[in-house]
Amino acid sequence: MTKHIQVKPVQEKRERSPLVIRRVDVIPVALPLVKPMRMAGITITHAQNILVRIEATDGTVGWGEAASAPTMTGDTLGGLVCAVRDYLAPLLVEEDAWTRPQLMRRLRAALLGNTGAHSAVELALIDLTGRSAGLPAVDLLGGALRRAVAPMWLLGNATPEEDVAEALAKQREGFDFFKLKVGSKMLAQDIAATHAVRDVLTHSMPLCADANCGFAPASARRYLEETRKAELLFIETTARLCRLERLDDAHTHLTDPDRCR
């Protein structure tokens, strides 16, 4: 006996109309921080960022953003503006925003490096296409892996005492995840601040550190060794110049190499 199964016809893939880019604008901003942030080699008082605005011929607009980071990526505010305005934007006008992967390959071939400028443009393209389709950007990238993210507070002060006071104040406000900026004090103070902050937080509360490439290799090794008991979740960009071989060297001095990023 043969059982006949009714098969529904496969729907043809709907053709999407091109989302033609009409103009690309880059807008430099310098937003004052409520409180200066001390990092290795620099104290940040303003967020010097660029906003990228991409407009399609149907009026839909997408926005992207990137931060200047002269001591980390080499991106300056002027450099970001120049990269987008003079090199990337002209290659986007009259192109279809739905061809984002091909467009990004073309942009990377036209301008080496300049990761901040490329990222701001790609974010704007994703935002533009998401708004055009009426979809969250995450759904254009394969779907959400999580629906909530714990907020993390950055601690970057001149003294360990100030780090502790700020950690306690923010804990009372509801923060339960902290990142300590290290590499901006004397090494002994960085180590003391790490233990002092850990002592006022429960060990179940995540605490991590970020050196922003501010440690010399020997200092990075000493910091890693002398903060083991603080049970840091991870330690970010320990070595000066962020050289991979220096990170590998730091890994060899850790019981849990995954802590060093």
Protein backbone atom coordinates (compact mmCIF):
# COMPACT_ATOMS: atom_id res chain seq x y z
CA MET A 1 0.00 0.00 0.00
CA THR A 2 1.39 3.34 -0.98
CA LYS A 3 0.71 6.34 1.24
CA HIS A 4 0.52 9.57 -0.65
CA ILE A 5 1.84 12.60 1.22
CA GLN A 6 0.77 16.01 0.12
CA VAL A 7 3.79 18.24 -0.27
CA LYS A 8 3.33 21.98 -0.04
CA PRO A 9 4.82 23.86 -2.96
CA VAL A 10 8.08 25.63 -2.18
CA GLN A 11 7.53 29.34 -2.13
CA GLU A 12 9.76 31.28 -4.41
CA LYS A 13 12.28 33.53 -2.73
CA ARG A 14 10.98 37.06 -2.76
CA GLU A 15 13.13 39.49 -4.65
CA ARG A 16 14.15 42.39 -2.44
CA SER A 17 14.21 45.85 -3.97
CA PRO A 18 17.65 47.52 -3.95
CA LEU A 19 18.29 49.91 -1.08
CA VAL A 20 20.28 52.50 -2.96
CA ILE A 21 22.56 54.76 -0.92
CA ARG A 22 22.06 58.46 -1.63
CA ARG A 23 24.56 60.07 0.73
CA VAL A 24 27.05 59.32 3.51
CA ASP A 25 27.90 61.85 6.23
CA VAL A 26 30.52 61.66 8.95
CA ILE A 27 30.00 63.77 12.06
CA PRO A 28 32.78 64.27 14.66
CA VAL A 29 31.65 64.73 18.27
CA ALA A 30 33.41 65.35 21.58
CA LEU A 31 31.08 64.40 24.42
CA PRO A 32 32.23 65.39 27.95
CA LEU A 33 32.38 62.53 30.43
CA VAL A 34 30.66 62.93 33.79
CA LYS A 35 33.93 61.82 35.36
CA PRO A 36 37.40 61.59 33.76
CA MET A 37 38.62 58.03 33.11
CA ARG A 38 42.27 57.25 33.86
CA MET A 39 43.77 54.66 31.53
CA ALA A 40 47.32 53.59 30.75
CA GLY A 41 49.06 56.52 29.10
CA ILE A 42 46.02 58.81 28.97
CA THR A 43 43.22 60.38 30.99
CA ILE A 44 40.02 60.67 28.97
CA THR A 45 37.80 63.67 29.67
CA HIS A 46 35.75 63.58 26.44
CA ALA A 47 34.49 60.79 24.22
CA GLN A 48 35.88 61.84 20.84
CA ASN A 49 33.83 59.74 18.44
CA ILE A 50 32.50 59.84 14.92
CA LEU A 51 28.91 59.24 13.88
CA VAL A 52 28.31 57.90 10.38
CA ARG A 53 24.94 58.64 8.79
CA ILE A 54 23.96 56.72 5.65
CA GLU A 55 20.80 57.78 3.83
CA ALA A 56 19.02 55.75 1.15
CA THR A 57 17.10 57.18 -1.78
CA ASP A 58 13.79 56.24 -0.10
CA GLY A 59 14.69 58.36 2.96
CA THR A 60 15.65 55.51 5.28
CA VAL A 61 18.64 56.42 7.49
CA GLY A 62 21.15 54.21 9.31
CA TRP A 63 23.65 55.27 11.96
CA GLY A 64 27.05 53.93 13.01
CA GLU A 65 29.66 55.03 15.53
CA ALA A 66 33.34 54.59 16.31
CA ALA A 67 35.62 55.90 19.04
CA SER A 68 39.02 57.47 18.59
CA ALA A 69 41.73 55.56 20.45
CA PRO A 70 45.19 56.96 19.61
CA THR A 71 47.06 54.81 22.13
CA MET A 72 45.22 51.59 21.32
CA THR A 73 44.23 51.45 17.65
CA GLY A 74 45.92 54.59 16.35
CA ASP A 75 42.54 56.05 15.37
CA THR A 76 42.35 59.81 15.92
CA LEU A 77 39.22 61.89 15.47
CA GLY A 78 40.66 63.63 12.43
CA GLY A 79 41.87 60.37 10.94
CA LEU A 80 38.46 58.74 11.36
CA VAL A 81 36.73 61.67 9.66
CA CYS A 82 39.22 61.68 6.78
CA ALA A 83 38.99 57.91 6.27
CA VAL A 84 35.20 57.92 5.97
CA ARG A 85 34.80 61.21 4.11
CA ASP A 86 37.60 60.86 1.57
CA TYR A 87 38.02 57.11 1.07
CA LEU A 88 34.97 55.09 2.12
CA ALA A 89 31.93 57.29 1.53
CA PRO A 90 32.57 57.86 -2.21
CA LEU A 91 32.57 54.09 -2.77
CA LEU A 92 29.14 53.69 -1.17
CA VAL A 93 27.05 56.29 -2.98
CA GLU A 94 24.64 54.77 -5.54
CA GLU A 95 25.40 51.26 -4.25
CA ASP A 96 22.85 48.79 -2.84
CA ALA A 97 23.10 48.61 0.95
CA TRP A 98 21.78 45.03 0.86
CA THR A 99 25.10 43.96 -0.68
CA ARG A 100 26.92 44.79 2.57
CA PRO A 101 29.41 41.87 2.50
CA GLN A 102 30.56 42.77 -1.00
CA LEU A 103 30.67 46.46 -0.14
CA MET A 104 32.83 45.84 2.94
CA ARG A 105 35.29 43.76 0.93
CA ARG A 106 35.54 46.61 -1.55
CA LEU A 107 36.10 49.16 1.22
CA ARG A 108 38.79 47.04 2.90
CA ALA A 109 40.60 46.73 -0.41
CA ALA A 110 40.48 50.50 -0.88
CA LEU A 111 41.71 51.45 2.61
CA LEU A 112 44.04 49.31 4.70
CA GLY A 113 43.63 49.31 8.48
CA ASN A 114 41.47 52.14 9.83
CA THR A 115 39.35 49.60 11.68
CA GLY A 116 37.29 52.24 13.49
CA ALA A 117 36.20 53.89 10.25
CA HIS A 118 35.33 50.54 8.65
CA SER A 119 33.37 49.49 11.75
CA ALA A 120 31.35 52.71 11.89
CA VAL A 121 30.39 52.35 8.22
CA GLU A 122 29.42 48.70 8.62
CA LEU A 123 27.29 49.48 11.68
CA ALA A 124 25.50 52.18 9.71
CA LEU A 125 24.86 49.74 6.84
CA ILE A 126 23.46 47.14 9.24
CA ASP A 127 21.26 49.75 10.91
CA LEU A 128 20.06 51.03 7.52
CA THR A 129 19.08 47.60 6.22
CA GLY A 130 17.47 46.65 9.52
CA ARG A 131 15.32 49.77 9.53
CA SER A 132 14.38 49.19 5.89
CA ALA A 133 13.27 45.62 6.64
CA GLY A 134 11.63 46.49 9.95
CA LEU A 135 13.92 44.05 11.76
CA PRO A 136 16.30 44.42 14.71
CA ALA A 137 19.90 44.50 13.55
CA VAL A 138 20.62 41.31 15.48
CA ASP A 139 18.17 39.38 13.28
CA LEU A 140 20.22 40.33 10.24
CA LEU A 141 23.27 38.78 11.89
CA GLY A 142 21.90 35.35 12.71
CA GLY A 143 19.72 36.07 15.73
CA ALA A 144 20.32 36.90 19.37
CA LEU A 145 22.46 34.62 21.53
CA ARG A 146 21.20 36.33 24.69
CA ARG A 147 18.48 38.81 25.60
CA ALA A 148 20.14 40.50 28.56
CA VAL A 149 23.68 41.64 29.40
CA ALA A 150 24.89 42.56 32.87
CA PRO A 151 26.11 46.18 32.99
CA MET A 152 29.78 46.57 33.90
CA TRP A 153 31.22 49.61 35.66
CA LEU A 154 34.75 50.81 34.88
CA LEU A 155 36.97 51.84 37.79
CA GLY A 156 39.80 54.19 36.80
CA ASN A 157 41.01 56.47 39.60
CA ALA A 158 44.26 57.95 40.84
CA THR A 159 44.40 55.92 44.08
CA PRO A 160 43.26 52.51 45.36
CA GLU A 161 41.12 54.28 47.98
CA GLU A 162 39.17 56.09 45.27
CA ASP A 163 38.67 52.83 43.36
CA VAL A 164 37.27 51.18 46.49
CA ALA A 165 34.98 54.11 47.29
CA GLU A 166 33.60 54.16 43.75
CA ALA A 167 33.11 50.39 43.67
CA LEU A 168 31.08 50.52 46.89
CA ALA A 169 29.01 53.46 45.67
CA LYS A 170 28.20 51.75 42.37
CA GLN A 171 27.45 48.47 44.12
CA ARG A 172 24.81 50.32 46.16
CA GLU A 173 23.36 51.60 42.86
CA GLY A 174 22.93 48.02 41.68
CA PHE A 175 26.11 47.31 39.67
CA ASP A 176 27.49 43.82 40.25
CA PHE A 177 30.23 43.56 37.58
CA PHE A 178 33.39 45.70 37.63
CA LYS A 179 36.43 46.26 35.44
CA LEU A 180 39.49 47.85 37.02
CA LYS A 181 41.69 50.00 34.81
CA VAL A 182 45.32 49.19 35.58
CA GLY A 183 48.59 50.39 34.09
CA SER A 184 47.86 54.01 35.00
CA LYS A 185 49.27 53.87 38.54
CA MET A 186 52.54 52.58 39.92
CA LEU A 187 52.57 48.79 39.64
CA ALA A 188 52.41 48.32 43.42
CA GLN A 189 49.36 50.58 43.53
CA ASP A 190 47.67 48.62 40.73
CA ILE A 191 48.21 45.39 42.67
CA ALA A 192 46.99 47.00 45.91
CA ALA A 193 43.92 48.45 44.19
CA THR A 194 43.04 45.05 42.73
CA HIS A 195 43.14 43.36 46.12
CA ALA A 196 41.41 46.27 47.87
CA VAL A 197 38.49 46.25 45.42
CA ARG A 198 38.22 42.47 45.64
CA ASP A 199 38.19 42.65 49.44
CA VAL A 200 35.12 44.89 49.48
CA LEU A 201 33.28 42.83 46.87
CA THR A 202 32.10 39.28 47.37
CA HIS A 203 34.15 36.67 45.53
CA SER A 204 31.05 35.69 43.61
CA MET A 205 30.93 39.16 42.05
CA PRO A 206 32.82 39.33 38.72
CA LEU A 207 35.92 41.52 38.75
CA CYS A 208 38.28 41.89 35.80
CA ALA A 209 41.17 44.17 34.85
CA ASP A 210 42.24 46.02 31.72
CA ALA A 211 45.79 47.31 31.25
CA ASN A 212 45.15 48.89 27.83
CA CYS A 213 48.59 47.64 26.76
CA GLY A 214 50.15 49.74 29.53
CA PHE A 215 52.37 47.08 31.14
CA ALA A 216 55.88 46.20 30.13
CA PRO A 217 56.26 42.39 29.90
CA ALA A 218 57.97 42.10 33.30
CA SER A 219 55.30 44.26 34.94
CA ALA A 220 52.54 42.21 33.31
CA ARG A 221 54.03 38.99 34.69
CA ARG A 222 54.35 40.45 38.18
CA TYR A 223 50.80 41.77 38.13
CA LEU A 224 49.44 38.41 36.98
CA GLU A 225 51.33 36.53 39.66
CA GLU A 226 50.51 38.88 42.53
CA THR A 227 46.79 39.18 41.83
CA ARG A 228 45.98 35.47 41.64
CA LYS A 229 44.12 35.52 44.96
CA ALA A 230 41.87 38.32 43.69
CA GLU A 231 40.33 35.73 41.33
CA LEU A 232 40.00 38.07 38.36
CA LEU A 233 37.57 36.84 35.72
CA PHE A 234 40.03 37.92 33.03
CA ILE A 235 42.86 40.37 32.38
CA GLU A 236 42.66 42.35 29.15
CA THR A 237 45.48 43.57 26.87
CA THR A 238 48.28 43.34 29.39
CA ALA A 239 51.35 43.92 27.23
CA ARG A 240 52.56 47.19 25.79
CA LEU A 241 51.94 47.47 22.04
CA CYS A 242 49.52 44.52 22.32
CA ARG A 243 52.07 42.27 20.61
CA LEU A 244 50.75 38.74 20.36
CA GLU A 245 54.04 37.14 21.30
CA ARG A 246 53.99 39.12 24.55
CA LEU A 247 50.49 37.92 25.29
CA ASP A 248 51.65 34.37 24.64
CA ASP A 249 54.51 34.94 27.06
CA ALA A 250 52.05 36.18 29.68
CA HIS A 251 49.91 33.08 29.15
CA THR A 252 52.79 30.84 30.20
CA HIS A 253 52.77 32.50 33.64
CA LEU A 254 49.14 31.75 34.32
CA THR A 255 47.57 28.65 35.82
CA ASP A 256 44.47 29.54 33.79
CA PRO A 257 45.70 31.10 30.52
CA ASP A 258 42.14 31.91 29.46
CA ARG A 259 42.17 34.75 31.99
CA CYS A 260 44.56 36.75 29.78
CA ARG A 261 42.96 38.32 26.74
